[in-house]
Amino acid sequence: AARGVPVPKSGDLLFFGCRKEGEDYLYREEMEGWVADGDLRHLGVAFSRDTPAKEYVQDKIREAGRLVWEAFEAGGVVLVSGASEKMPNDVRKALVSVVAAHAPADEEAAEAYMKRVEAQRRYLQDTWS
């Protein structure tokens, strides 16, 4: 892939969040190209400072809950990229709620499911501060 960015497997999901689309969406062409080429099933992007109602990665994950659940069940990978402050914890909570809603499972079972997914390296984070 261009600029040394690895190409994901078909069926994988990528959620990317930053503050401003015009300043932070550096790999837009590559990421959108993966979707267009069928190499990536879904790309969810959130920019928290571009609109009055802030939108975050965890919001995009909840919106795509069915796709997230289907990806996990099919052995796919969910990749999350964004700031490392509160985002990783908030995203994980969103993933647990998605699993609980679509499994269906209680929170304890959803948490155990997420621990298995993480141990299998099928939920990956690329975060920075």
Foldseek 3Di string as FASTA:
>chain_A
DPPPDDQAAQLEEEEEEEADPVPPVVCVVVVVVCCVVRRYVYYHYFHQHPDPHGDDSLNSCLVCLVSLVVSVVVVAAYEYEEADDCRVVSNVVSQLVSCCVVVVDPSVVSVVSVVVCVVVVRYYYHHHD
